[in-house]
Amino acid sequence: MTKPLTAKGAATRQRIVAGASAEIREHGLQTVTLEDICRRTATSKGQLFHYFPGGRDELLLAVADHEAARVLDDQQPYLGALTSWTAWQAWRDAVVARYRHQGQNCPLGVLLSEVGRQTPASRAVVTALIGQWQQQVAHGIREMQLATKIAASVDADRSAAAIVAGIQGGVSIMLSTGELNHLEAALDSAIEALRTA
């Protein structure tokens, strides 16, 4: 059993994860070395392996988890307040802006492909991200149903699943082509379908 980290240890570990994440976002996974991460986070390799005894893969998985949280954080406060059509449009714009800014460099996708999408730990990162994302969209749909702005007959969970799948499909196409029009079309069509349901 691993000994729990002290508050200082947890803060150091989080600083390493955040620094590694920023280094990868700025320079790409292929060029970043452990030395780069140590330099950026003002830590030694010994400290790095103390907090990540599983080595590079364990660190990359922690960074993937950090990046997954950023996917949702970057959509706030809009994602957490889908209570009007103006809010839905602002959320849509925030999602598109995130991927426009990020371009074809998707740190989460790169990290998970490096660690391996089929490992239980990497699947857990993706499952948690998709679950939280879908839950928040479904909550927004239910809020709009309570305000009678979306028909009560709409299945909030199923609609939220379709919206998140549409976003992920649009992002996948964007990563392959550099074009955002599929992502925009998926979001615009989904919101319009909710408005007219």
Protein backbone atom coordinates (compact mmCIF):
# COMPACT_ATOMS: atom_id res chain seq x y z
CA MET A 1 0.00 0.00 0.00
CA THR A 2 1.34 3.44 -0.92
CA LYS A 3 1.83 5.87 1.93
CA PRO A 4 -0.52 8.88 1.62
CA LEU A 5 1.16 12.13 0.61
CA THR A 6 1.48 15.03 3.02
CA ALA A 7 -0.12 18.33 1.98
CA LYS A 8 3.31 19.54 0.87
CA GLY A 9 3.95 16.30 -1.04
CA ALA A 10 0.57 16.51 -2.77
CA ALA A 11 1.30 20.13 -3.75
CA THR A 12 4.70 19.14 -5.16
CA ARG A 13 3.17 16.27 -7.12
CA GLN A 14 0.49 18.58 -8.53
CA ARG A 15 3.14 21.17 -9.45
CA ILE A 16 5.05 18.50 -11.39
CA VAL A 17 1.87 17.41 -13.21
CA ALA A 18 0.88 20.99 -14.08
CA GLY A 19 4.42 21.83 -15.22
CA ALA A 20 4.70 18.67 -17.33
CA SER A 21 1.29 19.40 -18.83
CA ALA A 22 2.29 22.96 -19.78
CA GLU A 23 5.61 21.77 -21.21
CA ILE A 24 3.85 19.18 -23.39
CA ARG A 25 1.22 21.67 -24.55
CA GLU A 26 3.90 24.19 -25.54
CA HIS A 27 6.47 21.89 -27.12
CA GLY A 28 4.71 18.63 -27.98
CA LEU A 29 5.13 15.25 -26.35
CA GLN A 30 7.75 13.99 -28.79
CA THR A 31 10.30 16.69 -27.91
CA VAL A 32 9.74 16.96 -24.15
CA THR A 33 12.20 15.07 -21.97
CA LEU A 34 12.15 14.31 -18.25
CA GLU A 35 15.01 16.81 -17.93
CA ASP A 36 12.76 19.51 -19.46
CA ILE A 37 10.06 18.71 -16.92
CA CYS A 38 12.54 18.75 -14.04
CA ARG A 39 13.89 22.11 -15.19
CA ARG A 40 10.42 23.62 -15.57
CA THR A 41 9.18 22.35 -12.21
CA ALA A 42 12.44 22.91 -10.30
CA THR A 43 12.58 19.27 -9.26
CA SER A 44 15.21 16.56 -9.47
CA LYS A 45 14.80 13.25 -11.26
CA GLY A 46 14.84 11.63 -7.81
CA GLN A 47 11.80 13.70 -6.80
CA LEU A 48 10.11 12.89 -10.09
CA PHE A 49 10.47 9.15 -9.49
CA HIS A 50 9.51 9.57 -5.84
CA TYR A 51 6.11 10.96 -6.87
CA PHE A 52 5.82 8.79 -9.98
CA PRO A 53 7.48 5.45 -9.16
CA GLY A 54 5.98 3.96 -12.32
CA GLY A 55 8.15 6.37 -14.31
CA ARG A 56 7.23 8.15 -17.50
CA ASP A 57 3.96 6.27 -18.13
CA GLU A 58 2.66 7.05 -14.65
CA LEU A 59 3.55 10.73 -15.08
CA LEU A 60 1.91 10.84 -18.52
CA LEU A 61 -1.25 9.26 -17.14
CA ALA A 62 -1.38 11.92 -14.39
CA VAL A 63 -0.90 14.60 -17.05
CA ALA A 64 -3.70 13.04 -19.14
CA ASP A 65 -5.97 13.20 -16.09
CA HIS A 66 -4.98 16.86 -15.60
CA GLU A 67 -5.71 17.64 -19.26
CA ALA A 68 -9.08 15.87 -19.05
CA ALA A 69 -10.05 18.17 -16.18
CA ARG A 70 -8.97 21.16 -18.28
CA VAL A 71 -11.36 20.11 -21.07
CA LEU A 72 -14.27 20.75 -18.69
CA ASP A 73 -12.69 23.70 -16.87
CA ASP A 74 -12.18 25.53 -20.18
CA GLN A 75 -15.95 25.35 -20.80
CA GLN A 76 -16.87 27.07 -17.54
CA PRO A 77 -18.79 28.99 -16.40
CA TYR A 78 -20.99 28.23 -19.43
CA LEU A 79 -21.20 24.43 -19.12
CA GLY A 80 -22.36 24.70 -15.53
CA ALA A 81 -25.06 27.27 -16.33
CA LEU A 82 -26.98 26.03 -19.38
CA THR A 83 -30.21 27.72 -18.30
CA SER A 84 -30.99 29.91 -21.33
CA TRP A 85 -30.44 29.80 -25.09
CA THR A 86 -27.90 32.62 -24.66
CA ALA A 87 -25.98 30.40 -22.22
CA TRP A 88 -26.11 27.46 -24.64
CA GLN A 89 -24.71 29.69 -27.42
CA ALA A 90 -21.95 30.96 -25.11
CA TRP A 91 -21.05 27.36 -24.22
CA ARG A 92 -21.02 26.38 -27.90
CA ASP A 93 -18.71 29.31 -28.64
CA ALA A 94 -16.40 28.36 -25.73
CA VAL A 95 -16.09 24.78 -27.01
CA VAL A 96 -15.27 25.96 -30.54
CA ALA A 97 -12.83 28.58 -29.22
CA ARG A 98 -10.99 25.95 -27.15
CA TYR A 99 -10.37 23.75 -30.15
CA ARG A 100 -9.63 26.70 -32.45
CA HIS A 101 -6.94 27.86 -29.99
CA GLN A 102 -5.59 24.35 -29.47
CA GLY A 103 -5.54 23.51 -33.18
CA GLN A 104 -4.38 20.07 -34.15
CA ASN A 105 -2.31 19.74 -31.00
CA CYS A 106 -4.68 17.91 -28.65
CA PRO A 107 -2.58 17.13 -25.55
CA LEU A 108 -5.14 14.71 -24.14
CA GLY A 109 -5.38 12.67 -27.34
CA VAL A 110 -1.61 12.59 -27.77
CA LEU A 111 -1.03 11.62 -24.16
CA LEU A 112 -3.58 8.82 -24.19
CA SER A 113 -2.23 7.43 -27.43
CA GLU A 114 1.24 7.46 -25.89
CA VAL A 115 0.15 5.76 -22.66
CA GLY A 116 -2.18 3.46 -24.55
CA ARG A 117 -5.94 3.88 -24.82
CA GLN A 118 -6.53 0.24 -23.95
CA THR A 119 -5.01 0.29 -20.48
CA PRO A 120 -7.54 0.26 -17.63
CA ALA A 121 -6.10 3.50 -16.24
CA SER A 122 -6.34 5.42 -19.52
CA ARG A 123 -9.86 4.11 -20.14
CA ALA A 124 -10.80 5.33 -16.67
CA VAL A 125 -9.55 8.85 -17.52
CA VAL A 126 -11.64 8.97 -20.70
CA THR A 127 -14.70 7.38 -19.08
CA ALA A 128 -14.64 9.89 -16.23
CA LEU A 129 -14.25 12.83 -18.63
CA ILE A 130 -17.09 11.73 -20.92
CA GLY A 131 -19.33 10.90 -17.95
CA GLN A 132 -18.86 14.28 -16.27
CA TRP A 133 -19.27 16.14 -19.55
CA GLN A 134 -22.44 14.27 -20.45
CA GLN A 135 -23.84 14.74 -16.93
CA GLN A 136 -23.41 18.51 -17.08
CA VAL A 137 -25.01 18.77 -20.54
CA ALA A 138 -27.94 16.60 -19.37
CA HIS A 139 -28.34 18.83 -16.31
CA GLY A 140 -28.57 21.85 -18.63
CA ILE A 141 -31.25 20.11 -20.71
CA ARG A 142 -33.25 19.31 -17.57
CA GLU A 143 -32.96 22.92 -16.39
CA MET A 144 -34.31 24.08 -19.74
CA GLN A 145 -37.13 21.53 -19.49
CA LEU A 146 -38.09 22.91 -16.06
CA ALA A 147 -38.23 26.37 -17.64
CA THR A 148 -40.36 24.89 -20.49
CA LYS A 149 -37.75 25.91 -23.07
CA ILE A 150 -37.12 22.29 -24.11
CA ALA A 151 -39.94 19.77 -24.50
CA ALA A 152 -40.45 17.45 -21.53
CA SER A 153 -40.47 14.50 -23.95
CA VAL A 154 -36.76 14.98 -24.77
CA ASP A 155 -34.57 12.29 -23.17
CA ALA A 156 -31.93 14.47 -21.46
CA ASP A 157 -29.36 11.69 -21.00
CA ARG A 158 -29.65 10.40 -24.56
CA SER A 159 -29.53 13.92 -26.03
CA ALA A 160 -26.49 14.79 -23.90
CA ALA A 161 -24.76 11.59 -25.07
CA ALA A 162 -25.43 12.55 -28.70
CA ILE A 163 -24.09 16.08 -28.14
CA VAL A 164 -20.86 14.85 -26.53
CA ALA A 165 -20.45 12.24 -29.29
CA GLY A 166 -20.98 14.99 -31.89
CA ILE A 167 -18.32 17.14 -30.25
CA GLN A 168 -15.86 14.26 -30.12
CA GLY A 169 -16.56 13.37 -33.74
CA GLY A 170 -16.06 16.99 -34.79
CA VAL A 171 -12.80 17.16 -32.82
CA SER A 172 -11.60 13.92 -34.38
CA ILE A 173 -12.22 15.31 -37.87
CA MET A 174 -10.54 18.59 -36.89
CA LEU A 175 -7.45 16.70 -35.71
CA SER A 176 -7.28 14.95 -39.09
CA THR A 177 -8.09 17.91 -41.35
CA GLY A 178 -7.46 21.08 -39.37
CA GLU A 179 -11.03 22.19 -40.13
CA LEU A 180 -13.56 23.15 -37.44
CA ASN A 181 -16.69 23.19 -39.60
CA HIS A 182 -17.79 19.66 -38.58
CA LEU A 183 -17.52 20.52 -34.89
CA GLU A 184 -19.49 23.73 -35.44
CA ALA A 185 -22.13 21.90 -37.47
CA ALA A 186 -22.52 19.19 -34.82
CA LEU A 187 -23.04 21.73 -32.04
CA ASP A 188 -25.30 24.02 -34.06
CA SER A 189 -27.49 21.12 -35.23
CA ALA A 190 -27.75 19.67 -31.71
CA ILE A 191 -28.77 22.99 -30.16
CA GLU A 192 -31.25 23.68 -32.95
CA ALA A 193 -32.78 20.22 -32.44
CA LEU A 194 -33.27 20.96 -28.74
CA ARG A 195 -34.85 24.34 -29.52
CA THR A 196 -37.36 22.86 -31.92
CA ALA A 197 -38.14 19.64 -30.02
